[in-house]
């Protein structure tokens, strides 16, 4: 088969063919090690020559042309090119705000030592008062390199918890949201509340016609396509109160750790039981502590697991213990090739809305379906809620086709109407 000898086509084509013959275990094994290379391969714009026996060539062509949801690395690379003065990466390659650092447990003496080295400090009073984190944002006023600034901070405050101001990015594409039709009929259920941490929400979207939206994070709320699409999946026409925290406020750079923690603190003050986070990024000790506090206080956190494929390392906050991580399947229940694999994936849900280049795709749009299921099981935060809701969701999930827990879809698949 000469087609498979083409070094630029053989790996993705083999993955596609395995998907077509309907062999999920083989599909997962092959896609695992190659997924991260798929978005960068030049895919053909015309039908491939030399159709293979027994294979639907038209289906192969369509699958090869179909764009995958952007993985984290692709988004980081684009952000670095677009905002090099504001964004850089930490030693592990995770995106961070240049010249900003987070610290927990800084004594007065250490604060003075840090300030003497040219750092200014902003105490995150709201998060401190609500979640008890005792953390500050430190700004380097001298423009030093990230490595040098961190080294100076570690020397000035050796007993404090120091980290970077990491950025958390969308776990799905929303370049062109499909045109919406008439608003879905409102549910007869009494009004409930649900939360989301994302970009801004457009209240004119038909799926939000019956919702009451409470905004947080921006002096002037500004809608984003990603945030609106996630909100539409989360509310789906019901008369919900949607607590929507915007981490971007129309800025090209957003999703900072301190903003995410502030949003969680706001959700805690408002007693929002279930919170959807369709964002991904690295492990961060300040965020980890905030998540622990939220879970201990009885909130349920549902998070998209990312779009870097089954061979990629786990992303956060979906991977934190107690958070319900979500992968994605298509309309036929097949796992999206870019959906991750591992213990961090508790469930899958449909992650494709619309079709072609005008559609939406990614675990971003699967997570709110699971969050919506969770919201039906919990009306207010209460101790032990995360474990209880998880068991309830397991009972509602459809088997993913594997015996026991599946690395790609965890406990099974949750559908919008199930």
Protein backbone atom coordinates (compact mmCIF):
# COMPACT_ATOMS: atom_id res chain seq x y z
CA UNK A 1 0.00 0.00 0.00
CA UNK A 2 2.14 2.90 -1.24
CA UNK A 3 -0.07 5.52 0.39
CA UNK A 4 1.01 4.42 3.87
CA UNK A 5 4.67 4.83 2.97
CA UNK A 6 4.28 8.61 2.72
CA UNK A 7 5.99 9.84 5.93
CA UNK A 8 3.68 12.86 6.18
CA UNK A 9 0.49 10.82 5.97
CA UNK A 10 1.11 7.36 7.33
CA UNK A 11 0.58 7.97 11.04
CA UNK A 12 -2.61 10.04 10.95
CA UNK A 13 -4.04 7.92 8.16
CA UNK A 14 -3.43 4.75 10.14
CA UNK A 15 -5.26 6.29 13.09
CA UNK A 16 -8.16 7.30 10.87
CA UNK A 17 -8.41 3.85 9.32
CA UNK A 18 -8.52 2.21 12.72
CA UNK A 19 -11.32 4.57 13.68
CA UNK A 20 -13.21 3.64 10.54
CA UNK A 21 -13.05 -0.09 11.15
CA UNK A 22 -14.46 0.44 14.63
CA UNK A 23 -11.74 -0.98 16.85
CA UNK A 24 -11.74 1.29 19.93
CA UNK A 25 -8.90 -0.42 21.83
CA UNK A 26 -6.59 -0.35 18.80
CA UNK A 27 -7.64 3.21 18.05
CA UNK A 28 -6.67 4.33 21.54
CA UNK A 29 -3.33 2.56 21.40
CA UNK A 30 -2.32 4.08 18.06
CA UNK A 31 -3.61 7.60 18.67
CA UNK A 32 -1.89 7.76 22.07
CA UNK A 33 1.71 8.25 20.95
CA UNK A 34 0.95 10.28 17.82
CA UNK A 35 -1.83 12.68 18.77
CA UNK A 36 0.36 15.63 19.65
CA UNK A 37 1.87 15.60 16.18
CA UNK A 38 -1.42 15.58 14.30
CA UNK A 39 -2.25 19.33 14.31
CA UNK A 40 1.13 20.22 12.81
CA UNK A 41 0.99 17.75 9.91
CA UNK A 42 0.03 19.21 6.51
CA UNK A 43 -3.25 17.50 5.66
CA UNK A 44 -4.34 17.22 2.03
CA UNK A 45 -6.95 19.62 0.65
CA UNK A 46 -7.88 17.20 -2.14
CA UNK A 47 -8.96 13.56 -2.02
CA UNK A 48 -6.08 11.18 -1.47
CA UNK A 49 -5.04 9.08 -4.46
CA UNK A 50 -5.14 5.35 -4.44
CA UNK A 51 -8.18 4.36 -2.40
CA UNK A 52 -7.55 1.41 -0.10
CA UNK A 53 -9.62 -1.76 -0.47
CA UNK A 54 -12.55 -1.95 1.91
CA UNK A 55 -12.24 1.65 3.09
CA UNK A 56 -14.73 4.44 2.48
CA UNK A 57 -12.41 6.92 0.75
CA UNK A 58 -14.84 9.82 1.10
CA UNK A 59 -15.00 9.26 4.85
CA UNK A 60 -11.20 9.17 5.03
CA UNK A 61 -10.98 12.47 3.15
CA UNK A 62 -13.53 14.11 5.45
CA UNK A 63 -11.79 12.91 8.57
CA UNK A 64 -8.39 14.10 7.39
CA UNK A 65 -9.73 17.56 6.64
CA UNK A 66 -11.59 17.88 9.95
CA UNK A 67 -9.69 20.20 12.30
CA UNK A 68 -8.91 18.99 15.79
CA UNK A 69 -9.54 21.18 18.81
CA UNK A 70 -6.44 23.18 19.64
CA UNK A 71 -4.20 21.60 22.25
CA UNK A 72 -2.58 23.64 25.00
CA UNK A 73 0.84 23.83 23.35
CA UNK A 74 -0.60 25.24 20.13
CA UNK A 75 -2.45 27.91 22.10
CA UNK A 76 0.64 28.75 24.15
CA UNK A 77 2.78 29.13 21.04
CA UNK A 78 0.22 31.47 19.48
CA UNK A 79 -0.02 33.52 22.68
CA UNK A 80 3.75 33.87 22.89
CA UNK A 81 3.89 35.14 19.31
CA UNK A 82 1.02 37.57 19.89
CA UNK A 83 1.97 38.90 23.34
CA UNK A 84 5.73 38.38 23.84
CA UNK A 85 6.07 41.38 26.16
CA UNK A 86 3.40 40.16 28.56
CA UNK A 87 3.58 36.38 28.33
CA UNK A 88 6.47 33.95 28.74
CA UNK A 89 6.86 30.38 30.03
CA UNK A 90 8.10 28.85 33.26
CA UNK A 91 10.95 26.28 33.28
CA UNK A 92 8.49 23.51 32.37
CA UNK A 93 7.09 25.42 29.39
CA UNK A 94 3.78 26.43 31.01
CA UNK A 95 2.47 29.92 30.12
CA UNK A 96 2.88 32.67 32.72
CA UNK A 97 2.51 36.42 32.98
CA UNK A 98 5.92 38.01 32.65
CA UNK A 99 7.18 39.60 35.86
CA UNK A 100 4.36 38.30 38.10
CA UNK A 101 4.62 35.71 40.87
CA UNK A 102 2.34 34.31 43.58
CA UNK A 103 3.28 33.70 47.18
CA UNK A 104 1.52 32.13 50.16
CA UNK A 105 2.59 32.40 53.80
CA UNK A 106 4.84 35.46 53.47
CA UNK A 107 5.84 36.89 56.85
CA UNK A 108 6.16 40.63 57.45
CA UNK A 109 9.94 40.34 57.58
CA UNK A 110 10.05 38.38 54.34
CA UNK A 111 7.69 40.87 52.69
CA UNK A 112 10.09 43.66 53.60
CA UNK A 113 13.00 41.64 52.17
CA UNK A 114 11.09 41.01 48.96
CA UNK A 115 10.19 44.68 48.58
CA UNK A 116 13.83 45.64 49.15
CA UNK A 117 14.68 43.51 46.10
CA UNK A 118 12.39 45.55 43.86
CA UNK A 119 9.11 43.64 44.09
CA UNK A 120 5.75 45.23 44.80
CA UNK A 121 2.98 43.22 46.47
CA UNK A 122 -0.79 43.14 45.96
CA UNK A 123 -2.60 41.24 48.68
CA UNK A 124 -5.55 39.27 47.34
CA UNK A 125 -7.86 40.40 50.11
CA UNK A 126 -11.10 38.92 48.77
CA UNK A 127 -9.65 35.45 48.28
CA UNK A 128 -7.86 35.67 51.61
CA UNK A 129 -11.01 36.58 53.50
CA UNK A 130 -13.14 33.94 51.75
CA UNK A 131 -10.79 30.99 51.28
CA UNK A 132 -8.11 31.81 53.87
CA UNK A 133 -5.23 31.38 51.44
CA UNK A 134 -3.03 34.25 52.69
CA UNK A 135 -1.55 34.91 49.26
CA UNK A 136 -0.20 37.87 47.34
CA UNK A 137 0.68 38.76 43.76
CA UNK A 138 4.26 39.98 43.47
CA UNK A 139 5.37 42.23 40.58
CA UNK A 140 9.00 42.56 39.53
CA UNK A 141 9.60 46.30 39.02
CA UNK A 142 13.12 45.78 37.61
CA UNK A 143 12.31 43.71 34.53
CA UNK A 144 14.56 40.77 35.34
CA UNK A 145 14.36 37.39 33.65
CA UNK A 146 11.83 34.95 35.06
CA UNK A 147 14.51 32.58 36.34
CA UNK A 148 16.54 35.34 37.99
CA UNK A 149 13.50 36.95 39.62
CA UNK A 150 12.32 33.61 41.03
CA UNK A 151 15.79 32.86 42.36
CA UNK A 152 15.88 36.22 44.16
CA UNK A 153 12.43 35.62 45.65
CA UNK A 154 13.43 32.17 46.91
CA UNK A 155 16.46 33.65 48.61
CA UNK A 156 14.46 36.48 50.19
CA UNK A 157 11.57 34.25 51.34
CA UNK A 158 12.88 30.69 51.71
CA UNK A 159 9.99 29.53 53.93
CA UNK A 160 7.15 30.87 51.78
CA UNK A 161 5.31 29.04 48.99
CA UNK A 162 6.36 30.74 45.76
CA UNK A 163 5.03 30.04 42.30
CA UNK A 164 4.36 31.66 38.94
CA UNK A 165 1.32 33.55 37.74
CA UNK A 166 0.24 30.73 35.43
CA UNK A 167 -2.30 31.20 32.67
CA UNK A 168 -5.20 28.80 32.09
CA UNK A 169 -6.47 28.59 28.52
CA UNK A 170 -9.71 27.34 26.88
CA UNK A 171 -10.05 23.60 26.37
CA UNK A 172 -11.90 23.91 23.07
CA UNK A 173 -12.28 25.98 19.93
CA UNK A 174 -15.00 28.54 19.39
CA UNK A 175 -13.78 30.37 16.35
CA UNK A 176 -17.18 30.55 14.70
CA UNK A 177 -20.17 29.67 16.83
CA UNK A 178 -22.98 28.03 14.84
CA UNK A 179 -25.98 30.23 14.26
CA UNK A 180 -28.53 29.62 16.98
CA UNK A 181 -32.18 29.09 16.29
CA UNK A 182 -35.16 29.76 18.50
CA UNK A 183 -34.57 29.67 22.26
CA UNK A 184 -35.20 26.25 23.80
CA UNK A 185 -38.35 26.03 25.91
CA UNK A 186 -37.80 26.79 29.56
CA UNK A 187 -37.84 23.88 31.96
CA UNK A 188 -40.74 23.59 34.36
CA UNK A 189 -38.29 22.99 37.22
CA UNK A 190 -37.80 25.76 39.80
CA UNK A 191 -34.89 28.12 39.16
CA UNK A 192 -31.54 26.69 40.21
CA UNK A 193 -28.05 28.14 40.12
CA UNK A 194 -24.87 26.96 38.45
CA UNK A 195 -21.47 28.56 38.01
CA UNK A 196 -18.79 28.83 35.33
CA UNK A 197 -15.27 30.27 35.21
CA UNK A 198 -14.43 31.22 31.63
CA UNK A 199 -14.66 34.16 29.25
CA UNK A 200 -17.59 36.56 29.16
CA UNK A 201 -21.14 35.49 28.29
CA UNK A 202 -23.49 37.00 25.71
CA UNK A 203 -26.93 37.16 27.40
CA UNK A 204 -28.66 37.47 24.01
CA UNK A 205 -27.78 33.89 23.06
CA UNK A 206 -31.10 32.01 22.63
CA UNK A 207 -29.96 29.20 24.95
CA UNK A 208 -29.68 31.80 27.73
CA UNK A 209 -33.03 33.47 27.08
CA UNK A 210 -34.58 32.17 30.30
CA UNK A 211 -31.47 32.50 32.47
CA UNK A 212 -30.59 35.20 34.97
CA UNK A 213 -26.88 35.97 34.59
CA UNK A 214 -24.74 37.24 37.46
CA UNK A 215 -21.40 38.56 36.20
CA UNK A 216 -18.10 38.81 38.04
CA UNK A 217 -14.59 39.95 37.24
CA UNK A 218 -15.03 42.88 34.83
CA UNK A 219 -16.15 46.47 35.31
CA UNK A 220 -17.84 46.20 31.90
CA UNK A 221 -18.95 42.67 30.97
CA UNK A 222 -17.75 41.66 27.50
CA UNK A 223 -18.96 38.54 25.72
CA UNK A 224 -16.57 35.93 24.38
CA UNK A 225 -17.41 33.18 21.91
CA UNK A 226 -15.88 30.46 24.08
CA UNK A 227 -17.61 31.60 27.26
CA UNK A 228 -20.97 31.99 25.53
CA UNK A 229 -20.74 28.55 23.94
CA UNK A 230 -19.90 26.93 27.27
CA UNK A 231 -22.73 28.82 29.00
CA UNK A 232 -25.20 27.70 26.33
CA UNK A 233 -24.30 24.05 26.95
CA UNK A 234 -24.44 24.57 30.71
CA UNK A 235 -27.85 26.24 30.87
CA UNK A 236 -29.45 24.74 27.72
CA UNK A 237 -32.58 26.86 27.80
CA UNK A 238 -33.50 26.38 31.46
CA UNK A 239 -34.46 29.13 33.88
CA UNK A 240 -31.15 28.97 35.72
CA UNK A 241 -29.23 31.61 37.62
CA UNK A 242 -25.85 31.50 35.93
CA UNK A 243 -22.92 32.81 37.95
CA UNK A 244 -20.39 33.67 35.25
CA UNK A 245 -16.87 34.75 36.18
CA UNK A 246 -14.96 36.35 33.29
CA UNK A 247 -11.16 35.95 33.39
CA UNK A 248 -10.47 37.90 30.18
CA UNK A 249 -12.58 41.09 30.18
CA UNK A 250 -11.94 41.56 26.44
CA UNK A 251 -8.15 41.41 26.95
CA UNK A 252 -6.02 39.19 24.71
CA UNK A 253 -4.29 37.87 27.82
CA UNK A 254 -6.35 36.41 30.65
CA UNK A 255 -6.96 33.30 32.67
CA UNK A 256 -4.37 34.16 35.34
CA UNK A 257 -4.19 31.98 38.44
CA UNK A 258 -5.07 34.83 40.79
CA UNK A 259 -8.16 35.64 38.70
CA UNK A 260 -9.25 32.01 38.75
CA UNK A 261 -8.84 31.83 42.53
CA UNK A 262 -10.77 35.09 42.93
CA UNK A 263 -13.58 33.62 40.83
CA UNK A 264 -13.75 30.53 43.04
CA UNK A 265 -13.85 32.73 46.13
CA UNK A 266 -16.78 34.62 44.63
CA UNK A 267 -18.60 31.35 43.91
CA UNK A 268 -18.04 30.33 47.53
CA UNK A 269 -19.51 33.60 48.82
CA UNK A 270 -22.52 33.17 46.54
CA UNK A 271 -23.00 29.56 47.66
CA UNK A 272 -22.86 28.18 44.10
CA UNK A 273 -22.95 24.40 44.38
CA UNK A 274 -21.63 23.26 40.97
CA UNK A 275 -18.94 25.14 39.04
CA UNK A 276 -17.79 24.40 35.48
CA UNK A 277 -14.19 25.23 34.47
CA UNK A 278 -13.50 24.66 30.77
CA UNK A 279 -9.89 25.84 31.11
CA UNK A 280 -6.60 23.95 31.31
CA UNK A 281 -3.10 24.68 32.50
CA UNK A 282 -0.33 23.46 34.81
CA UNK A 283 -0.31 22.44 38.45
CA UNK A 284 -0.07 25.49 40.71
CA UNK A 285 0.12 25.35 44.53
CA UNK A 286 -2.13 28.38 45.04
CA UNK A 287 -4.82 26.98 42.75
CA UNK A 288 -4.42 23.54 44.30
CA UNK A 289 -5.04 24.97 47.76
CA UNK A 290 -8.08 26.94 46.55
CA UNK A 291 -9.54 23.79 44.98
CA UNK A 292 -9.01 21.86 48.23
CA UNK A 293 -10.87 24.53 50.20
CA UNK A 294 -13.76 24.61 47.73
CA UNK A 295 -14.18 20.83 47.81
CA UNK A 296 -13.95 20.75 51.60
CA UNK A 297 -16.74 23.34 51.78
CA UNK A 298 -19.01 21.18 49.68
CA UNK A 299 -18.72 22.63 46.18
CA UNK A 300 -18.52 20.37 43.12
CA UNK A 301 -15.95 21.34 40.48
CA UNK A 302 -16.26 19.99 36.94
CA UNK A 303 -13.36 20.67 34.57
CA UNK A 304 -12.46 20.01 30.96
CA UNK A 305 -9.51 17.62 30.68
CA UNK A 306 -7.92 19.29 27.63
CA UNK A 307 -7.30 18.52 23.97
CA UNK A 308 -3.67 17.39 23.83
CA UNK A 309 -4.45 13.72 23.20
CA UNK A 310 -4.10 10.49 25.16
CA UNK A 311 -0.29 10.62 25.30
CA UNK A 312 -0.12 14.10 26.82
CA UNK A 313 0.55 14.68 30.53
CA UNK A 314 -2.51 15.49 32.67
CA UNK A 315 -3.69 19.10 32.83
CA UNK A 316 -5.20 21.07 35.68
CA UNK A 317 -7.54 21.78 37.42
CA UNK A 318 -9.18 18.61 36.03
CA UNK A 319 -6.43 16.44 37.54
CA UNK A 320 -6.72 17.68 41.12
CA UNK A 321 -8.19 15.03 43.46
CA UNK A 322 -11.92 15.47 43.85
CA UNK A 323 -12.39 17.48 40.65
CA UNK A 324 -14.56 15.75 38.04
CA UNK A 325 -12.50 15.73 34.83
CA UNK A 326 -14.28 15.38 31.49
CA UNK A 327 -13.20 14.00 28.11
CA UNK A 328 -15.13 14.27 24.86
CA UNK A 329 -16.90 12.03 22.35
CA UNK A 330 -18.58 12.78 19.05
CA UNK A 331 -22.28 12.41 18.25
CA UNK A 332 -21.84 8.66 17.69
CA UNK A 333 -20.12 8.12 21.03
CA UNK A 334 -16.60 7.78 19.61
CA UNK A 335 -13.85 9.34 21.69
CA UNK A 336 -12.38 12.41 20.03
CA UNK A 337 -8.75 11.69 19.10
CA UNK A 338 -7.59 14.84 20.90
CA UNK A 339 -9.38 13.90 24.13
CA UNK A 340 -6.93 12.85 26.87
CA UNK A 341 -6.48 9.56 28.66
CA UNK A 342 -5.86 8.76 32.30
CA UNK A 343 -7.27 8.70 35.81
CA UNK A 344 -8.10 12.40 35.59
CA UNK A 345 -10.94 11.62 33.15
CA UNK A 346 -14.02 10.68 35.16
CA UNK A 347 -16.56 10.85 32.31
CA UNK A 348 -16.97 11.77 28.67
CA UNK A 349 -19.74 13.80 27.08
CA UNK A 350 -20.43 15.04 23.56
CA UNK A 351 -17.80 17.63 22.69
CA UNK A 352 -18.79 18.50 19.11
CA UNK A 353 -21.41 21.13 18.30
CA UNK A 354 -22.32 21.77 14.68
CA UNK A 355 -20.14 20.53 11.84
CA UNK A 356 -17.16 21.49 9.73
CA UNK A 357 -15.10 24.57 10.34
CA UNK A 358 -18.11 26.49 11.64
CA UNK A 359 -18.66 24.06 14.51
CA UNK A 360 -17.34 23.81 18.04
CA UNK A 361 -15.08 21.06 19.26
CA UNK A 362 -13.21 20.05 22.38
CA UNK A 363 -13.55 18.96 25.98
CA UNK A 364 -14.59 22.57 26.78
CA UNK A 365 -18.04 21.77 25.44
CA UNK A 366 -18.26 18.32 27.03
CA UNK A 367 -17.60 19.53 30.59
CA UNK A 368 -20.75 21.70 30.91
CA UNK A 369 -22.91 18.72 30.01
CA UNK A 370 -21.47 16.82 32.98
CA UNK A 371 -21.76 19.92 35.17
CA UNK A 372 -25.42 20.18 34.20
CA UNK A 373 -25.99 16.60 35.33
CA UNK A 374 -24.19 17.37 38.60
CA UNK A 375 -26.32 20.47 39.15
CA UNK A 376 -29.44 18.32 39.14
CA UNK A 377 -27.99 16.26 42.00
CA UNK A 378 -26.94 19.13 44.28
CA UNK A 379 -28.92 22.21 45.26
CA UNK A 380 -26.42 23.74 47.69
CA UNK A 381 -22.83 23.13 48.86
CA UNK A 382 -22.52 20.56 51.61
CA UNK A 383 -19.64 18.51 53.06
CA UNK A 384 -18.94 15.37 51.09
CA UNK A 385 -20.86 16.62 48.06
CA UNK A 386 -18.12 15.86 45.53
CA UNK A 387 -18.00 12.15 46.36
CA UNK A 388 -21.79 11.87 46.57
CA UNK A 389 -22.36 13.60 43.24
CA UNK A 390 -19.68 11.45 41.61
CA UNK A 391 -21.55 8.31 42.67
CA UNK A 392 -24.79 9.76 41.33
CA UNK A 393 -23.21 10.53 37.99
CA UNK A 394 -21.76 7.02 37.77
CA UNK A 395 -25.30 5.72 38.08
CA UNK A 396 -26.46 7.93 35.20
CA UNK A 397 -23.56 7.30 32.82
CA UNK A 398 -23.80 5.01 29.82
CA UNK A 399 -21.05 2.37 29.54
CA UNK A 400 -18.21 3.44 27.28
CA UNK A 401 -17.74 -0.04 25.81
CA UNK A 402 -14.96 -1.16 28.14
CA UNK A 403 -15.31 -3.37 31.19
CA UNK A 404 -14.80 -1.36 34.37
CA UNK A 405 -13.28 2.11 34.35
CA UNK A 406 -11.96 3.21 30.96
CA UNK A 407 -8.83 5.36 30.64
CA UNK A 408 -10.45 7.43 27.88
CA UNK A 409 -13.94 7.94 29.39
CA UNK A 410 -13.62 6.96 33.03
CA UNK A 411 -16.97 5.74 34.35
CA UNK A 412 -18.81 6.21 31.06
CA UNK A 413 -20.57 8.76 28.89
CA UNK A 414 -23.15 11.33 29.97
CA UNK A 415 -25.49 12.67 27.29
CA UNK A 416 -27.29 16.03 27.25
CA UNK A 417 -30.74 14.50 27.50
CA UNK A 418 -29.98 11.50 29.73
